[in-house]
Amino acid sequence: MIKWFVIILLGLPVVLYSAFVLSIMNRNKVKYDLQKRYNVVRRTVKWINKLTRRRYRFINKEVISSPRSHGRVYISNHLHLFDIMTVIENSPKPVICISKKENSKVPLLTTYMKALEVLCIDRENARQSLMICKKAGEMVQQGNDIIIYAEGHRSKDGNVAEFKAATSAIVQYAKSEIVLICTHNSSKPLSFRWITYPREYVNIKYFEPLPYDFYLQHRKDFAVVTRQLISDQLDEFKKEYGN
């Protein structure tokens, strides 16, 4: 309860101010490029994560934090809304997310999504979904980073669900290196408590980059193979740190 009170009291004004700044920047994207908008979002994310007393245990953090010019595709499991905030905090380079179209209708959130050039996919429209996959691939080839939460939704039981077909499609069009991400315990910092305001650790592994040839070698079972790699790492985290 105390943590939620602090987040609302100290976090909401920052979120609203950043949204105001981003709304101005969104009107002139020529002057305020993606990197500039991303930096505003990243500062806000760092502040919110600090308020939640979020701490990290990393494996291979340098994979995402090291500078580079080429684009890549990140593929991650999905446990909480804060998963993308974790990636943004730790990546100096802009990371563009694939999201369901319903999120673009959420007030305030839509301002941040426009600033980050989030690609919205309509799960009920196969043709539109294919177009978004192609667009995502083109953006990666232009040097951008794309992140896919391959399950298509947050996991309710903490396990890794089956990966959606769009995962393989985006990698196919991107023709770039692939980085898998395993996230564990990301919902814990916001678990409801009445009195205590504890620090909570989120465990993250950034796998070593995989070349596009890896996709070509596993074209028929790419989603199954990558899901298993992430799932195995998640099991390791659970054994070491608990559920």
Protein backbone atom coordinates (compact mmCIF):
# COMPACT_ATOMS: atom_id res chain seq x y z
CA MET A 1 0.00 0.00 0.00
CA ILE A 2 2.80 2.43 0.89
CA LYS A 3 4.64 1.65 -2.35
CA TRP A 4 1.55 2.36 -4.43
CA PHE A 5 0.99 5.62 -2.57
CA VAL A 6 4.58 6.73 -3.24
CA ILE A 7 4.37 5.74 -6.91
CA ILE A 8 1.16 7.73 -7.44
CA LEU A 9 2.28 10.73 -5.39
CA LEU A 10 5.77 11.08 -6.89
CA GLY A 11 5.40 9.23 -10.18
CA LEU A 12 2.16 10.53 -11.67
CA PRO A 13 3.29 14.18 -11.98
CA VAL A 14 6.44 13.04 -13.81
CA VAL A 15 4.44 10.79 -16.12
CA LEU A 16 1.98 13.59 -16.92
CA TYR A 17 4.74 16.14 -17.53
CA SER A 18 6.63 13.74 -19.79
CA ALA A 19 3.42 13.03 -21.71
CA PHE A 20 2.97 16.77 -22.22
CA VAL A 21 6.54 17.13 -23.50
CA LEU A 22 6.16 14.11 -25.76
CA SER A 23 2.87 15.39 -27.19
CA ILE A 24 4.76 18.48 -28.37
CA MET A 25 7.62 16.40 -29.74
CA ASN A 26 5.21 14.06 -31.52
CA ARG A 27 3.90 17.01 -33.56
CA ASN A 28 7.35 17.67 -35.00
CA LYS A 29 9.15 14.37 -35.43
CA VAL A 30 11.56 15.89 -37.92
CA LYS A 31 12.98 18.17 -35.23
CA TYR A 32 12.61 15.64 -32.43
CA ASP A 33 13.83 12.33 -33.81
CA LEU A 34 13.22 8.92 -32.26
CA GLN A 35 16.37 9.07 -30.13
CA LYS A 36 15.35 12.38 -28.54
CA ARG A 37 11.84 11.15 -27.80
CA TYR A 38 13.19 7.87 -26.51
CA ASN A 39 15.51 9.72 -24.11
CA VAL A 40 12.52 11.51 -22.56
CA VAL A 41 10.68 8.22 -22.12
CA ARG A 42 13.80 6.56 -20.73
CA ARG A 43 14.29 9.22 -18.04
CA THR A 44 10.67 8.78 -17.00
CA VAL A 45 11.00 4.99 -16.93
CA LYS A 46 14.13 5.20 -14.77
CA TRP A 47 12.27 7.39 -12.28
CA ILE A 48 9.26 5.06 -12.07
CA ASN A 49 11.48 2.00 -11.70
CA LYS A 50 13.37 3.77 -8.93
CA LEU A 51 10.12 4.50 -7.08
CA THR A 52 9.16 0.82 -7.20
CA ARG A 53 12.58 0.00 -5.65
CA ARG A 54 13.22 -2.24 -8.59
CA ARG A 55 16.64 -3.91 -8.62
CA TYR A 56 18.20 -6.15 -11.24
CA ARG A 57 20.33 -9.25 -11.49
CA PHE A 58 21.74 -9.45 -15.00
CA ILE A 59 23.36 -12.05 -17.16
CA ASN A 60 25.10 -10.52 -20.19
CA LYS A 61 23.83 -6.97 -19.71
CA GLU A 62 26.50 -5.74 -22.13
CA VAL A 63 24.55 -7.37 -24.96
CA ILE A 64 21.89 -4.66 -24.74
CA SER A 65 23.85 -1.79 -23.23
CA SER A 66 26.84 -1.76 -25.61
CA PRO A 67 26.69 0.77 -28.49
CA ARG A 68 26.18 -0.45 -32.05
CA SER A 69 24.71 0.82 -35.30
CA HIS A 70 23.02 -2.25 -36.78
CA GLY A 71 19.47 -3.31 -35.96
CA ARG A 72 18.38 -6.51 -34.29
CA VAL A 73 15.28 -8.39 -33.16
CA TYR A 74 14.75 -9.05 -29.46
CA ILE A 75 12.46 -11.92 -28.49
CA SER A 76 11.29 -12.09 -24.88
CA ASN A 77 8.84 -13.81 -22.58
CA HIS A 78 6.17 -11.56 -21.09
CA LEU A 79 5.21 -11.40 -17.43
CA HIS A 80 4.21 -7.80 -16.75
CA LEU A 81 3.67 -4.35 -18.26
CA PHE A 82 7.00 -3.36 -16.69
CA ASP A 83 8.88 -5.80 -18.96
CA ILE A 84 9.20 -3.18 -21.71
CA MET A 85 10.16 -0.55 -19.12
CA THR A 86 13.01 -2.79 -18.02
CA VAL A 87 14.28 -3.05 -21.59
CA ILE A 88 14.00 0.70 -22.13
CA GLU A 89 15.90 1.48 -18.93
CA ASN A 90 18.80 -0.74 -19.92
CA SER A 91 19.06 0.06 -23.62
CA PRO A 92 20.54 3.44 -24.61
CA LYS A 93 19.49 2.68 -28.20
CA PRO A 94 15.74 3.02 -28.94
CA VAL A 95 13.80 -0.22 -28.83
CA ILE A 96 10.53 -0.33 -30.78
CA CYS A 97 7.81 -2.59 -29.44
CA ILE A 98 5.14 -4.64 -31.19
CA SER A 99 1.84 -4.16 -29.34
CA LYS A 100 -1.79 -5.15 -29.74
CA LYS A 101 -3.92 -2.39 -31.27
CA GLU A 102 -6.15 -2.15 -28.19
CA ASN A 103 -3.29 -0.51 -26.27
CA SER A 104 -3.24 2.41 -28.71
CA LYS A 105 -6.66 3.46 -27.44
CA VAL A 106 -5.57 3.83 -23.81
CA PRO A 107 -5.41 7.52 -22.79
CA LEU A 108 -1.92 8.76 -21.92
CA LEU A 109 -0.34 5.47 -22.99
CA THR A 110 -1.05 6.36 -26.63
CA THR A 111 1.18 9.46 -26.32
CA TYR A 112 4.10 7.32 -25.21
CA MET A 113 3.40 4.76 -27.92
CA LYS A 114 3.46 7.43 -30.64
CA ALA A 115 6.72 8.80 -29.26
CA LEU A 116 8.32 5.35 -29.36
CA GLU A 117 6.83 4.54 -32.79
CA VAL A 118 5.22 1.39 -31.41
CA LEU A 119 3.83 -0.89 -34.11
CA CYS A 120 0.26 -1.98 -33.38
CA ILE A 121 -0.91 -5.33 -34.65
CA ASP A 122 -4.53 -6.37 -35.19
CA ARG A 123 -4.81 -9.99 -34.21
CA GLU A 124 -8.14 -10.33 -36.00
CA ASN A 125 -6.78 -9.08 -39.32
CA ALA A 126 -4.26 -11.43 -40.91
CA ARG A 127 -3.45 -9.05 -43.77
CA GLN A 128 -2.76 -6.13 -41.43
CA SER A 129 -0.65 -8.36 -39.18
CA LEU A 130 1.47 -9.41 -42.16
CA MET A 131 1.96 -5.77 -43.16
CA ILE A 132 3.13 -4.91 -39.64
CA CYS A 133 5.57 -7.84 -39.71
CA LYS A 134 7.00 -6.57 -43.00
CA LYS A 135 7.23 -3.01 -41.67
CA ALA A 136 9.00 -4.24 -38.53
CA GLY A 137 11.47 -6.15 -40.68
CA GLU A 138 12.15 -3.07 -42.80
CA MET A 139 12.75 -0.95 -39.68
CA VAL A 140 15.32 -3.45 -38.42
CA GLN A 141 17.11 -3.41 -41.78
CA GLN A 142 17.26 0.39 -41.45
CA GLY A 143 19.18 -0.01 -38.18
CA ASN A 144 16.37 -0.01 -35.61
CA ASP A 145 15.82 -2.50 -32.79
CA ILE A 146 12.49 -4.29 -32.48
CA ILE A 147 11.29 -6.25 -29.45
CA ILE A 148 8.67 -8.98 -29.71
CA TYR A 149 6.83 -10.41 -26.73
CA ALA A 150 6.36 -13.63 -28.59
CA GLU A 151 3.55 -15.09 -26.48
CA GLY A 152 1.30 -12.22 -27.52
CA HIS A 153 0.06 -11.66 -23.97
CA ARG A 154 1.26 -11.65 -20.38
CA SER A 155 1.75 -15.06 -18.82
CA LYS A 156 -0.80 -15.78 -16.09
CA ASP A 157 1.05 -18.71 -14.54
CA GLY A 158 4.60 -17.44 -14.94
CA ASN A 159 5.52 -20.04 -17.55
CA VAL A 160 6.39 -19.41 -21.19
CA ALA A 161 3.37 -19.89 -23.43
CA GLU A 162 3.42 -20.89 -27.09
CA PHE A 163 5.00 -18.31 -29.38
CA LYS A 164 2.86 -16.59 -32.01
CA ALA A 165 3.54 -17.02 -35.71
CA ALA A 166 4.36 -13.31 -36.07
CA THR A 167 7.63 -13.96 -34.22
CA SER A 168 9.07 -16.03 -37.05
CA ALA A 169 7.60 -13.73 -39.69
CA ILE A 170 9.30 -10.62 -38.31
CA VAL A 171 12.66 -12.39 -38.06
CA GLN A 172 12.25 -13.62 -41.62
CA TYR A 173 11.67 -10.10 -42.95
CA ALA A 174 14.31 -8.49 -40.72
CA LYS A 175 17.15 -10.78 -41.83
CA SER A 176 19.16 -9.60 -38.81
CA GLU A 177 20.71 -10.97 -35.67
CA ILE A 178 18.39 -12.20 -32.94
CA VAL A 179 18.71 -11.73 -29.18
CA LEU A 180 16.58 -13.77 -26.79
CA ILE A 181 15.60 -12.29 -23.42
CA CYS A 182 14.46 -14.22 -20.37
CA THR A 183 12.77 -12.18 -17.63
CA HIS A 184 11.88 -13.53 -14.21
CA ASN A 185 10.07 -11.96 -11.27
CA SER A 186 9.19 -8.72 -13.10
CA SER A 187 5.76 -8.43 -11.46
CA LYS A 188 7.12 -8.76 -7.89
CA PRO A 189 8.08 -5.08 -7.39
CA LEU A 190 4.42 -4.12 -7.79
CA SER A 191 2.89 -6.90 -5.71
CA PHE A 192 0.39 -5.44 -3.26
CA ARG A 193 1.47 -5.04 0.37
CA TRP A 194 -0.06 -2.95 3.13
CA ILE A 195 2.95 -1.75 5.11
CA THR A 196 6.28 -2.90 3.74
CA TYR A 197 8.13 -1.11 0.94
CA PRO A 198 10.77 -3.72 0.04
CA ARG A 199 13.35 -3.80 -2.70
CA GLU A 200 12.59 -6.52 -5.19
CA TYR A 201 14.95 -8.11 -7.70
CA VAL A 202 14.10 -8.79 -11.32
CA ASN A 203 16.29 -11.43 -12.96
CA ILE A 204 17.17 -10.96 -16.61
CA LYS A 205 19.31 -12.84 -19.06
CA TYR A 206 20.23 -11.40 -22.45
CA PHE A 207 21.32 -14.33 -24.59
CA GLU A 208 24.29 -14.00 -26.89
CA PRO A 209 23.21 -12.66 -30.31
CA LEU A 210 22.19 -15.32 -32.81
CA PRO A 211 22.93 -14.79 -36.51
CA TYR A 212 20.18 -14.83 -39.11
CA ASP A 213 21.57 -18.20 -40.21
CA PHE A 214 20.21 -19.61 -36.95
CA TYR A 215 16.71 -18.77 -38.15
CA LEU A 216 17.41 -20.32 -41.56
CA GLN A 217 18.63 -23.53 -39.88
CA HIS A 218 15.48 -23.72 -37.73
CA ARG A 219 12.99 -22.17 -40.13
CA LYS A 220 10.33 -24.84 -39.52
CA ASP A 221 10.65 -24.95 -35.74
CA PHE A 222 12.13 -21.54 -34.91
CA ALA A 223 9.33 -20.56 -32.51
CA VAL A 224 9.58 -23.90 -30.69
CA VAL A 225 13.38 -23.80 -30.36
CA THR A 226 13.57 -20.21 -29.13
CA ARG A 227 10.68 -20.71 -26.72
CA GLN A 228 12.46 -23.72 -25.24
CA LEU A 229 15.70 -21.78 -24.74
CA ILE A 230 13.88 -19.04 -22.85
CA SER A 231 11.79 -21.53 -20.89
CA ASP A 232 14.89 -23.48 -19.80
CA GLN A 233 16.50 -20.29 -18.52
CA LEU A 234 13.31 -19.32 -16.70
CA ASP A 235 13.37 -22.70 -14.95
CA GLU A 236 16.95 -22.00 -13.89
CA PHE A 237 15.92 -18.66 -12.40
CA LYS A 238 13.03 -20.31 -10.54
CA LYS A 239 15.33 -22.96 -9.09
CA GLU A 240 17.82 -20.35 -7.90
CA TYR A 241 15.47 -17.61 -6.72
CA GLY A 242 12.06 -19.26 -6.36
CA ASN A 243 8.81 -18.51 -8.17
